[in-house]
Amino acid sequence: METTAPQSDGAPEPQESNKSNKRPGPWQRLRRAVLLYVLVPYVVVTVLFTVLQRRLMYRPTVADSLTISDAGLDPGFGVDTSLVTADGQNIKGWLVNATGRSAGHVGRAPLVLYFPGNSLNRYERVHDLQEVASHGFDVLVFDYRGFGDSTGTPTESALTADARLVWQYATDTLKYEPQRIVVFGESLGGAVALSMWSRTNPHPPQPAAMILSSTFASMSKTVAWHYPLFPFQFLLADRWPSIERIGRVQAPVVVFHGTQDDMVPVAHARALAQASAQARFIEVSGAGHNDIPTNQLRLELDSLMAAMHAR
């Protein structure tokens, strides 16, 4: 018996609804745009900062050798110095002679312990070192780990340990009396210098004085000021909380800061000085972040030198 297929009456067969063919609504498009153009870049930038933060914080100029001879400096400029750290790194520097003194007369002049900023190396600070030496001070400067011809990688914990080692070298090996040592810190160098007064150091130094130039209150505070929409301040591996340390310094402290500093707001430096009963704040009109206030520094060095001679 044959069966006959049912005849179509010409009406279209019902089709299943295809939701994938629907165009997204305005709210869906907005959510997608926010995800693609805001959230994803935000997360990528945050991750990149977290991974590369130390490369952004420490910007060394590396050199094969910066001995006084290899740097082309006059032999009377000073002597080469080198220290081996507890973890086997070699940090190198110079002991610059006070102007008018011959090499080898260690300990006869007062000493400035010079902590540089976060870039370049000691050779590129020769003129600054000579300026200090012209006021009758010997100057001891070391390149941080990874800077100049020093080995290693800079971190807060490593540079803190190295700062203590440099102080010990100046007082125990070179025999400079603490009351004839002035600690000078430039930008990051101020934070490195102040790390000697961290709570983990039960016997912090007792120098004659400390001078800070363009130093931040804390790296966290500076980063938050530069990037208020990102959580970078909470992701820092090296926080350098100078504002928590300066109060432990028992010596007189002078804080210089320029009004045109676009790296560290002058208000942060003022807060740093206010955290110490020993500190005096000097606002330098028109000076930027990398401008050491030479005229004011000369006055302070001459004043300190006169006080040391009067003892």
C-alpha atoms as a PDB file:
ATOM      1  CA  MET A   1       0.000   0.000   0.000  1.00  0.00           C
ATOM      2  CA  GLU A   2       1.440   3.299  -1.069  1.00  0.00           C
ATOM      3  CA  THR A   3       1.654   6.175   1.305  1.00  0.00           C
ATOM      4  CA  THR A   4       1.389   9.652   0.026  1.00  0.00           C
ATOM      5  CA  ALA A   5       3.562  12.408   1.492  1.00  0.00           C
ATOM      6  CA  PRO A   6       1.522  15.152   2.934  1.00  0.00           C
ATOM      7  CA  GLN A   7       1.196  18.070   0.584  1.00  0.00           C
ATOM      8  CA  SER A   8       2.413  21.422   1.646  1.00  0.00           C
ATOM      9  CA  ASP A   9      -0.241  24.031   1.718  1.00  0.00           C
ATOM     10  CA  GLY A  10       2.340  26.713   0.830  1.00  0.00           C
ATOM     11  CA  ALA A  11       2.618  28.085   4.329  1.00  0.00           C
ATOM     12  CA  PRO A  12       6.192  28.626   5.558  1.00  0.00           C
ATOM     13  CA  GLU A  13       7.485  26.105   8.020  1.00  0.00           C
ATOM     14  CA  PRO A  14       8.025  27.512  11.485  1.00  0.00           C
ATOM     15  CA  GLN A  15      11.746  28.192  12.248  1.00  0.00           C
ATOM     16  CA  GLU A  16      13.511  28.142  15.563  1.00  0.00           C
ATOM     17  CA  SER A  17      14.452  31.577  16.866  1.00  0.00           C
ATOM     18  CA  ASN A  18      18.174  32.246  16.473  1.00  0.00           C
ATOM     19  CA  LYS A  19      19.278  34.392  19.392  1.00  0.00           C
ATOM     20  CA  SER A  20      22.818  34.634  18.034  1.00  0.00           C
ATOM     21  CA  ASN A  21      21.563  36.738  15.156  1.00  0.00           C
ATOM     22  CA  LYS A  22      20.189  39.365  17.466  1.00  0.00           C
ATOM     23  CA  ARG A  23      22.187  42.569  17.670  1.00  0.00           C
ATOM     24  CA  PRO A  24      23.473  43.397  21.162  1.00  0.00           C
ATOM     25  CA  GLY A  25      21.626  46.098  22.955  1.00  0.00           C
ATOM     26  CA  PRO A  26      23.190  49.421  23.990  1.00  0.00           C
ATOM     27  CA  TRP A  27      23.998  48.255  27.520  1.00  0.00           C
ATOM     28  CA  GLN A  28      25.717  45.142  26.195  1.00  0.00           C
ATOM     29  CA  ARG A  29      27.777  47.248  23.819  1.00  0.00           C
ATOM     30  CA  LEU A  30      28.712  49.611  26.643  1.00  0.00           C
ATOM     31  CA  ARG A  31      29.784  46.740  28.910  1.00  0.00           C
ATOM     32  CA  ARG A  32      31.857  45.259  26.112  1.00  0.00           C
ATOM     33  CA  ALA A  33      33.539  48.602  25.387  1.00  0.00           C
ATOM     34  CA  VAL A  34      34.338  49.129  29.068  1.00  0.00           C
ATOM     35  CA  LEU A  35      35.853  45.667  29.268  1.00  0.00           C
ATOM     36  CA  LEU A  36      37.939  45.992  26.109  1.00  0.00           C
ATOM     37  CA  TYR A  37      39.018  49.603  26.303  1.00  0.00           C
ATOM     38  CA  VAL A  38      39.143  50.286  30.044  1.00  0.00           C
ATOM     39  CA  LEU A  39      39.418  47.216  32.245  1.00  0.00           C
ATOM     40  CA  VAL A  40      41.787  45.168  30.084  1.00  0.00           C
ATOM     41  CA  PRO A  41      44.286  48.045  29.565  1.00  0.00           C
ATOM     42  CA  TYR A  42      43.993  48.956  33.247  1.00  0.00           C
ATOM     43  CA  VAL A  43      44.876  45.411  34.313  1.00  0.00           C
ATOM     44  CA  VAL A  44      47.696  45.171  31.743  1.00  0.00           C
ATOM     45  CA  VAL A  45      49.263  48.463  32.907  1.00  0.00           C
ATOM     46  CA  THR A  46      48.963  47.391  36.552  1.00  0.00           C
ATOM     47  CA  VAL A  47      50.628  44.050  35.862  1.00  0.00           C
ATOM     48  CA  LEU A  48      53.416  45.688  33.832  1.00  0.00           C
ATOM     49  CA  PHE A  49      54.093  48.152  36.639  1.00  0.00           C
ATOM     50  CA  THR A  50      54.214  45.349  39.190  1.00  0.00           C
ATOM     51  CA  VAL A  51      56.685  43.360  37.107  1.00  0.00           C
ATOM     52  CA  LEU A  52      58.877  46.282  35.995  1.00  0.00           C
ATOM     53  CA  GLN A  53      58.665  48.554  39.037  1.00  0.00           C
ATOM     54  CA  ARG A  54      62.326  48.272  40.021  1.00  0.00           C
ATOM     55  CA  ARG A  55      63.443  49.087  36.488  1.00  0.00           C
ATOM     56  CA  LEU A  56      61.338  52.225  36.727  1.00  0.00           C
ATOM     57  CA  MET A  57      62.602  53.097  40.219  1.00  0.00           C
ATOM     58  CA  TYR A  58      66.329  52.493  39.697  1.00  0.00           C
ATOM     59  CA  ARG A  59      67.857  53.828  36.487  1.00  0.00           C
ATOM     60  CA  PRO A  60      71.603  53.250  36.598  1.00  0.00           C
ATOM     61  CA  THR A  61      74.273  54.189  34.105  1.00  0.00           C
ATOM     62  CA  VAL A  62      76.555  51.145  33.958  1.00  0.00           C
ATOM     63  CA  ALA A  63      80.308  51.296  33.324  1.00  0.00           C
ATOM     64  CA  ASP A  64      83.029  48.649  33.003  1.00  0.00           C
ATOM     65  CA  SER A  65      85.405  50.524  35.297  1.00  0.00           C
ATOM     66  CA  LEU A  66      85.209  53.853  37.090  1.00  0.00           C
ATOM     67  CA  THR A  67      88.534  53.851  38.861  1.00  0.00           C
ATOM     68  CA  ILE A  68      90.029  57.319  39.127  1.00  0.00           C
ATOM     69  CA  SER A  69      92.621  56.343  36.521  1.00  0.00           C
ATOM     70  CA  ASP A  70      90.121  54.817  34.064  1.00  0.00           C
ATOM     71  CA  ALA A  71      87.774  57.788  34.497  1.00  0.00           C
ATOM     72  CA  GLY A  72      90.595  60.111  33.424  1.00  0.00           C
ATOM     73  CA  LEU A  73      90.619  62.061  36.693  1.00  0.00           C
ATOM     74  CA  ASP A  74      93.665  63.634  38.268  1.00  0.00           C
ATOM     75  CA  PRO A  75      95.380  61.257  40.734  1.00  0.00           C
ATOM     76  CA  GLY A  76      95.061  63.944  43.392  1.00  0.00           C
ATOM     77  CA  PHE A  77      91.270  63.763  43.085  1.00  0.00           C
ATOM     78  CA  GLY A  78      91.122  60.955  45.653  1.00  0.00           C
ATOM     79  CA  VAL A  79      91.424  57.201  46.038  1.00  0.00           C
ATOM     80  CA  ASP A  80      89.386  54.258  44.810  1.00  0.00           C
ATOM     81  CA  THR A  81      87.358  52.345  47.362  1.00  0.00           C
ATOM     82  CA  SER A  82      85.626  48.982  47.232  1.00  0.00           C
ATOM     83  CA  LEU A  83      83.477  47.015  49.655  1.00  0.00           C
ATOM     84  CA  VAL A  84      82.309  43.404  49.563  1.00  0.00           C
ATOM     85  CA  THR A  85      78.781  43.000  50.916  1.00  0.00           C
ATOM     86  CA  ALA A  86      77.531  40.173  53.112  1.00  0.00           C
ATOM     87  CA  ASP A  87      75.981  38.473  50.061  1.00  0.00           C
ATOM     88  CA  GLY A  88      79.167  38.708  48.018  1.00  0.00           C
ATOM     89  CA  GLN A  89      78.493  41.777  45.863  1.00  0.00           C
ATOM     90  CA  ASN A  90      81.167  44.379  45.199  1.00  0.00           C
ATOM     91  CA  ILE A  91      80.177  48.035  45.543  1.00  0.00           C
ATOM     92  CA  LYS A  92      82.732  50.550  44.351  1.00  0.00           C
ATOM     93  CA  GLY A  93      83.317  54.206  44.965  1.00  0.00           C
ATOM     94  CA  TRP A  94      85.756  57.014  45.682  1.00  0.00           C
ATOM     95  CA  LEU A  95      87.117  58.819  48.674  1.00  0.00           C
ATOM     96  CA  VAL A  96      87.487  62.331  47.294  1.00  0.00           C
ATOM     97  CA  ASN A  97      90.095  64.537  48.903  1.00  0.00           C
ATOM     98  CA  ALA A  98      89.151  67.869  50.394  1.00  0.00           C
ATOM     99  CA  THR A  99      90.469  70.618  48.145  1.00  0.00           C
ATOM    100  CA  GLY A 100      94.054  71.433  48.997  1.00  0.00           C
ATOM    101  CA  ARG A 101      94.733  68.159  50.768  1.00  0.00           C
ATOM    102  CA  SER A 102      96.909  65.474  49.284  1.00  0.00           C
ATOM    103  CA  ALA A 103      95.808  61.895  48.842  1.00  0.00           C
ATOM    104  CA  GLY A 104      96.261  59.617  51.811  1.00  0.00           C
ATOM    105  CA  HIS A 105      95.511  62.086  54.577  1.00  0.00           C
ATOM    106  CA  VAL A 106      92.424  60.124  55.575  1.00  0.00           C
ATOM    107  CA  GLY A 107      90.529  61.325  58.599  1.00  0.00           C
ATOM    108  CA  ARG A 108      92.140  64.736  58.940  1.00  0.00           C
ATOM    109  CA  ALA A 109      89.288  66.612  57.248  1.00  0.00           C
ATOM    110  CA  PRO A 110      85.609  66.235  58.130  1.00  0.00           C
ATOM    111  CA  LEU A 111      83.727  63.831  55.875  1.00  0.00           C
ATOM    112  CA  VAL A 112      80.592  64.124  53.774  1.00  0.00           C
ATOM    113  CA  LEU A 113      78.984  60.731  53.225  1.00  0.00           C
ATOM    114  CA  TYR A 114      77.328  61.228  49.840  1.00  0.00           C
ATOM    115  CA  PHE A 115      74.279  59.138  48.832  1.00  0.00           C
ATOM    116  CA  PRO A 116      73.358  59.804  45.155  1.00  0.00           C
ATOM    117  CA  GLY A 117      69.986  59.824  43.410  1.00  0.00           C
ATOM    118  CA  ASN A 118      68.318  57.041  41.449  1.00  0.00           C
ATOM    119  CA  SER A 119      70.078  57.502  38.106  1.00  0.00           C
ATOM    120  CA  LEU A 120      73.503  57.948  36.464  1.00  0.00           C
ATOM    121  CA  ASN A 121      76.678  56.992  38.393  1.00  0.00           C
ATOM    122  CA  ARG A 122      79.403  58.636  40.450  1.00  0.00           C
ATOM    123  CA  TYR A 123      81.435  59.827  37.463  1.00  0.00           C
ATOM    124  CA  GLU A 124      78.513  61.971  36.327  1.00  0.00           C
ATOM    125  CA  ARG A 125      78.523  63.670  39.732  1.00  0.00           C
ATOM    126  CA  VAL A 126      82.184  64.690  39.676  1.00  0.00           C
ATOM    127  CA  HIS A 127      81.399  68.418  39.705  1.00  0.00           C
ATOM    128  CA  ASP A 128      79.007  68.042  42.664  1.00  0.00           C
ATOM    129  CA  LEU A 129      81.638  66.048  44.553  1.00  0.00           C
ATOM    130  CA  GLN A 130      84.269  68.678  43.819  1.00  0.00           C
ATOM    131  CA  GLU A 131      81.908  71.404  45.001  1.00  0.00           C
ATOM    132  CA  VAL A 132      81.545  69.694  48.371  1.00  0.00           C
ATOM    133  CA  ALA A 133      85.280  69.035  48.587  1.00  0.00           C
ATOM    134  CA  SER A 134      85.996  72.723  47.924  1.00  0.00           C
ATOM    135  CA  HIS A 135      84.496  73.518  51.341  1.00  0.00           C
ATOM    136  CA  GLY A 136      87.127  71.478  53.148  1.00  0.00           C
ATOM    137  CA  PHE A 137      85.340  68.128  53.346  1.00  0.00           C
ATOM    138  CA  ASP A 138      86.527  64.746  52.199  1.00  0.00           C
ATOM    139  CA  VAL A 139      83.707  63.011  50.311  1.00  0.00           C
ATOM    140  CA  LEU A 140      82.946  59.287  50.390  1.00  0.00           C
ATOM    141  CA  VAL A 141      80.632  58.118  47.607  1.00  0.00           C
ATOM    142  CA  PHE A 142      79.667  54.632  46.450  1.00  0.00           C
ATOM    143  CA  ASP A 143      77.650  53.572  43.441  1.00  0.00           C
ATOM    144  CA  TYR A 144      74.655  51.477  44.439  1.00  0.00           C
ATOM    145  CA  ARG A 145      74.394  47.865  43.335  1.00  0.00           C
ATOM    146  CA  GLY A 146      74.017  47.729  39.560  1.00  0.00           C
ATOM    147  CA  PHE A 147      75.152  51.346  39.156  1.00  0.00           C
ATOM    148  CA  GLY A 148      78.486  52.315  37.611  1.00  0.00           C
ATOM    149  CA  ASP A 149      80.910  49.435  38.086  1.00  0.00           C
ATOM    150  CA  SER A 150      79.221  48.001  41.195  1.00  0.00           C
ATOM    151  CA  THR A 151      77.790  44.509  40.948  1.00  0.00           C
ATOM    152  CA  GLY A 152      74.384  43.247  42.028  1.00  0.00           C
ATOM    153  CA  THR A 153      70.791  44.420  41.750  1.00  0.00           C
ATOM    154  CA  PRO A 154      69.310  47.298  43.764  1.00  0.00           C
ATOM    155  CA  THR A 155      66.486  46.627  46.221  1.00  0.00           C
ATOM    156  CA  GLU A 156      65.451  48.475  49.368  1.00  0.00           C
ATOM    157  CA  SER A 157      66.672  45.742  51.686  1.00  0.00           C
ATOM    158  CA  ALA A 158      70.013  45.427  49.870  1.00  0.00           C
ATOM    159  CA  LEU A 159      70.695  49.178  49.733  1.00  0.00           C
ATOM    160  CA  THR A 160      69.721  49.512  53.396  1.00  0.00           C
ATOM    161  CA  ALA A 161      72.308  46.906  54.351  1.00  0.00           C
ATOM    162  CA  ASP A 162      74.873  48.571  52.081  1.00  0.00           C
ATOM    163  CA  ALA A 163      74.281  51.994  53.664  1.00  0.00           C
ATOM    164  CA  ARG A 164      75.086  50.556  57.090  1.00  0.00           C
ATOM    165  CA  LEU A 165      78.183  48.901  55.639  1.00  0.00           C
ATOM    166  CA  VAL A 166      79.360  52.233  54.183  1.00  0.00           C
ATOM    167  CA  TRP A 167      78.869  53.982  57.535  1.00  0.00           C
ATOM    168  CA  GLN A 168      80.802  51.221  59.289  1.00  0.00           C
ATOM    169  CA  TYR A 169      83.578  51.502  56.705  1.00  0.00           C
ATOM    170  CA  ALA A 170      83.815  55.278  57.205  1.00  0.00           C
ATOM    171  CA  THR A 171      83.956  55.073  60.996  1.00  0.00           C
ATOM    172  CA  ASP A 172      85.660  51.744  61.742  1.00  0.00           C
ATOM    173  CA  THR A 173      88.063  51.373  58.819  1.00  0.00           C
ATOM    174  CA  LEU A 174      88.750  54.948  57.722  1.00  0.00           C
ATOM    175  CA  LYS A 175      88.500  56.187  61.328  1.00  0.00           C
ATOM    176  CA  TYR A 176      86.389  59.282  60.708  1.00  0.00           C
ATOM    177  CA  GLU A 177      84.812  60.385  63.960  1.00  0.00           C
ATOM    178  CA  PRO A 178      80.981  60.291  63.746  1.00  0.00           C
ATOM    179  CA  GLN A 179      80.700  63.855  65.074  1.00  0.00           C
ATOM    180  CA  ARG A 180      82.806  64.983  62.078  1.00  0.00           C
ATOM    181  CA  ILE A 181      80.636  63.246  59.470  1.00  0.00           C
ATOM    182  CA  VAL A 182      77.847  64.972  57.521  1.00  0.00           C
ATOM    183  CA  VAL A 183      75.372  62.659  55.743  1.00  0.00           C
ATOM    184  CA  PHE A 184      74.134  64.042  52.412  1.00  0.00           C
ATOM    185  CA  GLY A 185      71.306  62.415  50.460  1.00  0.00           C
ATOM    186  CA  GLU A 186      70.052  63.460  47.040  1.00  0.00           C
ATOM    187  CA  SER A 187      66.526  62.320  46.042  1.00  0.00           C
ATOM    188  CA  LEU A 188      66.572  58.503  46.439  1.00  0.00           C
ATOM    189  CA  GLY A 189      69.870  58.975  48.250  1.00  0.00           C
ATOM    190  CA  GLY A 190      68.025  60.707  51.051  1.00  0.00           C
ATOM    191  CA  ALA A 191      65.851  57.623  51.478  1.00  0.00           C
ATOM    192  CA  VAL A 192      68.920  55.352  51.383  1.00  0.00           C
ATOM    193  CA  ALA A 193      70.635  57.526  54.003  1.00  0.00           C
ATOM    194  CA  LEU A 194      67.552  57.550  56.234  1.00  0.00           C
ATOM    195  CA  SER A 195      67.304  53.755  55.981  1.00  0.00           C
ATOM    196  CA  MET A 196      70.182  53.665  58.478  1.00  0.00           C
ATOM    197  CA  TRP A 197      67.578  54.873  60.994  1.00  0.00           C
ATOM    198  CA  SER A 198      65.050  52.123  60.258  1.00  0.00           C
ATOM    199  CA  ARG A 199      63.580  50.280  63.221  1.00  0.00           C
ATOM    200  CA  THR A 200      65.614  47.199  62.371  1.00  0.00           C
ATOM    201  CA  ASN A 201      68.828  49.047  63.255  1.00  0.00           C
ATOM    202  CA  PRO A 202      69.211  49.073  67.042  1.00  0.00           C
ATOM    203  CA  HIS A 203      72.280  51.328  66.875  1.00  0.00           C
ATOM    204  CA  PRO A 204      71.675  54.035  64.261  1.00  0.00           C
ATOM    205  CA  PRO A 205      74.489  56.460  63.378  1.00  0.00           C
ATOM    206  CA  GLN A 206      75.146  59.675  65.269  1.00  0.00           C
ATOM    207  CA  PRO A 207      76.596  62.045  62.640  1.00  0.00           C
ATOM    208  CA  ALA A 208      77.202  65.759  63.042  1.00  0.00           C
ATOM    209  CA  ALA A 209      74.353  66.625  60.669  1.00  0.00           C
ATOM    210  CA  MET A 210      72.237  65.439  57.772  1.00  0.00           C
ATOM    211  CA  ILE A 211      71.386  67.322  54.573  1.00  0.00           C
ATOM    212  CA  LEU A 212      68.602  66.110  52.279  1.00  0.00           C
ATOM    213  CA  SER A 213      67.890  67.461  48.800  1.00  0.00           C
ATOM    214  CA  SER A 214      64.751  66.647  46.756  1.00  0.00           C
ATOM    215  CA  THR A 215      63.956  63.678  48.971  1.00  0.00           C
ATOM    216  CA  PHE A 216      60.476  62.132  49.077  1.00  0.00           C
ATOM    217  CA  ALA A 217      58.467  61.404  52.212  1.00  0.00           C
ATOM    218  CA  SER A 218      57.919  57.837  51.016  1.00  0.00           C
ATOM    219  CA  MET A 219      57.936  56.107  47.669  1.00  0.00           C
ATOM    220  CA  SER A 220      54.335  55.007  48.255  1.00  0.00           C
ATOM    221  CA  LYS A 221      53.226  58.600  48.741  1.00  0.00           C
ATOM    222  CA  THR A 222      55.062  59.785  45.628  1.00  0.00           C
ATOM    223  CA  VAL A 223      53.676  56.991  43.456  1.00  0.00           C
ATOM    224  CA  ALA A 224      50.136  57.683  44.690  1.00  0.00           C
ATOM    225  CA  TRP A 225      50.561  61.350  43.760  1.00  0.00           C
ATOM    226  CA  HIS A 226      51.736  60.513  40.238  1.00  0.00           C
ATOM    227  CA  TYR A 227      49.179  57.759  39.562  1.00  0.00           C
ATOM    228  CA  PRO A 228      46.078  58.416  41.683  1.00  0.00           C
ATOM    229  CA  LEU A 229      43.817  56.135  39.590  1.00  0.00           C
ATOM    230  CA  PHE A 230      46.040  53.061  39.913  1.00  0.00           C
ATOM    231  CA  PRO A 231      46.757  50.883  42.974  1.00  0.00           C
ATOM    232  CA  PHE A 232      50.528  51.085  42.426  1.00  0.00           C
ATOM    233  CA  GLN A 233      51.217  52.390  45.920  1.00  0.00           C
ATOM    234  CA  PHE A 234      49.909  49.116  47.381  1.00  0.00           C
ATOM    235  CA  LEU A 235      51.973  46.963  45.011  1.00  0.00           C
ATOM    236  CA  LEU A 236      55.399  48.451  45.728  1.00  0.00           C
ATOM    237  CA  ALA A 237      58.150  46.064  46.712  1.00  0.00           C
ATOM    238  CA  ASP A 238      60.375  48.958  47.873  1.00  0.00           C
ATOM    239  CA  ARG A 239      58.411  51.551  49.853  1.00  0.00           C
ATOM    240  CA  TRP A 240      61.234  53.663  51.335  1.00  0.00           C
ATOM    241  CA  PRO A 241      59.190  55.107  54.256  1.00  0.00           C
ATOM    242  CA  SER A 242      61.525  58.023  55.044  1.00  0.00           C
ATOM    243  CA  ILE A 243      58.842  59.937  56.918  1.00  0.00           C
ATOM    244  CA  GLU A 244      58.763  57.106  59.466  1.00  0.00           C
ATOM    245  CA  ARG A 245      62.551  57.162  59.905  1.00  0.00           C
ATOM    246  CA  ILE A 246      63.567  60.801  59.999  1.00  0.00           C
ATOM    247  CA  GLY A 247      62.243  61.207  63.536  1.00  0.00           C
ATOM    248  CA  ARG A 248      64.923  58.823  64.818  1.00  0.00           C
ATOM    249  CA  VAL A 249      67.744  61.061  63.588  1.00  0.00           C
ATOM    250  CA  GLN A 250      69.153  62.864  66.624  1.00  0.00           C
ATOM    251  CA  ALA A 251      71.447  65.184  64.639  1.00  0.00           C
ATOM    252  CA  PRO A 252      70.339  68.463  63.029  1.00  0.00           C
ATOM    253  CA  VAL A 253      68.675  67.882  59.659  1.00  0.00           C
ATOM    254  CA  VAL A 254      68.313  70.338  56.762  1.00  0.00           C
ATOM    255  CA  VAL A 255      65.744  69.541  54.057  1.00  0.00           C
ATOM    256  CA  PHE A 256      66.117  71.400  50.736  1.00  0.00           C
ATOM    257  CA  HIS A 257      63.343  71.216  48.161  1.00  0.00           C
ATOM    258  CA  GLY A 258      62.562  73.148  44.987  1.00  0.00           C
ATOM    259  CA  THR A 259      59.210  74.753  44.311  1.00  0.00           C
ATOM    260  CA  GLN A 260      59.323  73.508  40.689  1.00  0.00           C
ATOM    261  CA  ASP A 261      60.028  69.878  41.525  1.00  0.00           C
ATOM    262  CA  ASP A 262      57.740  67.868  39.220  1.00  0.00           C
ATOM    263  CA  MET A 263      58.835  64.507  40.626  1.00  0.00           C
ATOM    264  CA  VAL A 264      58.250  65.045  44.337  1.00  0.00           C
ATOM    265  CA  PRO A 265      55.781  67.753  45.414  1.00  0.00           C
ATOM    266  CA  VAL A 266      57.232  70.354  47.738  1.00  0.00           C
ATOM    267  CA  ALA A 267      54.396  69.604  50.177  1.00  0.00           C
ATOM    268  CA  HIS A 268      55.720  66.060  50.606  1.00  0.00           C
ATOM    269  CA  ALA A 269      59.185  67.363  51.492  1.00  0.00           C
ATOM    270  CA  ARG A 270      57.667  69.810  53.952  1.00  0.00           C
ATOM    271  CA  ALA A 271      55.796  66.931  55.603  1.00  0.00           C
ATOM    272  CA  LEU A 272      59.058  64.980  55.772  1.00  0.00           C
ATOM    273  CA  ALA A 273      60.773  67.838  57.599  1.00  0.00           C
ATOM    274  CA  GLN A 274      57.829  68.299  59.955  1.00  0.00           C
ATOM    275  CA  ALA A 275      58.147  64.656  61.013  1.00  0.00           C
ATOM    276  CA  SER A 276      61.419  65.495  62.790  1.00  0.00           C
ATOM    277  CA  ALA A 277      61.932  67.856  65.707  1.00  0.00           C
ATOM    278  CA  GLN A 278      65.536  68.210  64.521  1.00  0.00           C
ATOM    279  CA  ALA A 279      64.729  69.241  60.939  1.00  0.00           C
ATOM    280  CA  ARG A 280      64.766  72.625  59.259  1.00  0.00           C
ATOM    281  CA  PHE A 281      62.976  73.053  55.929  1.00  0.00           C
ATOM    282  CA  ILE A 282      64.375  75.325  53.209  1.00  0.00           C
ATOM    283  CA  GLU A 283      62.138  75.926  50.192  1.00  0.00           C
ATOM    284  CA  VAL A 284      64.209  76.768  47.108  1.00  0.00           C
ATOM    285  CA  SER A 285      62.288  79.026  44.745  1.00  0.00           C
ATOM    286  CA  GLY A 286      62.338  77.931  41.103  1.00  0.00           C
ATOM    287  CA  ALA A 287      64.460  74.809  41.649  1.00  0.00           C
ATOM    288  CA  GLY A 288      63.527  71.506  39.995  1.00  0.00           C
ATOM    289  CA  HIS A 289      64.017  67.940  41.156  1.00  0.00           C
ATOM    290  CA  ASN A 290      67.579  67.534  39.885  1.00  0.00           C
ATOM    291  CA  ASP A 291      68.782  70.964  40.946  1.00  0.00           C
ATOM    292  CA  ILE A 292      71.009  70.755  44.001  1.00  0.00           C
ATOM    293  CA  PRO A 293      70.658  74.232  45.589  1.00  0.00           C
ATOM    294  CA  THR A 294      74.349  75.103  45.373  1.00  0.00           C
ATOM    295  CA  ASN A 295      74.198  78.483  47.097  1.00  0.00           C
ATOM    296  CA  GLN A 296      72.197  77.191  50.060  1.00  0.00           C
ATOM    297  CA  LEU A 297      74.345  74.063  50.260  1.00  0.00           C
ATOM    298  CA  ARG A 298      77.497  76.197  50.408  1.00  0.00           C
ATOM    299  CA  LEU A 299      76.099  78.165  53.322  1.00  0.00           C
ATOM    300  CA  GLU A 300      75.217  75.004  55.234  1.00  0.00           C
ATOM    301  CA  LEU A 301      78.594  73.365  54.600  1.00  0.00           C
ATOM    302  CA  ASP A 302      80.468  76.501  55.644  1.00  0.00           C
ATOM    303  CA  SER A 303      78.355  76.746  58.781  1.00  0.00           C
ATOM    304  CA  LEU A 304      79.004  73.109  59.649  1.00  0.00           C
ATOM    305  CA  MET A 305      82.710  73.480  58.989  1.00  0.00           C
ATOM    306  CA  ALA A 306      82.871  76.529  61.292  1.00  0.00           C
ATOM    307  CA  ALA A 307      81.015  74.611  64.031  1.00  0.00           C
ATOM    308  CA  MET A 308      83.459  71.708  63.769  1.00  0.00           C
ATOM    309  CA  HIS A 309      86.480  74.021  64.014  1.00  0.00           C
ATOM    310  CA  ALA A 310      84.940  75.660  67.062  1.00  0.00           C
ATOM    311  CA  ARG A 311      84.794  72.377  68.987  1.00  0.00           C
END
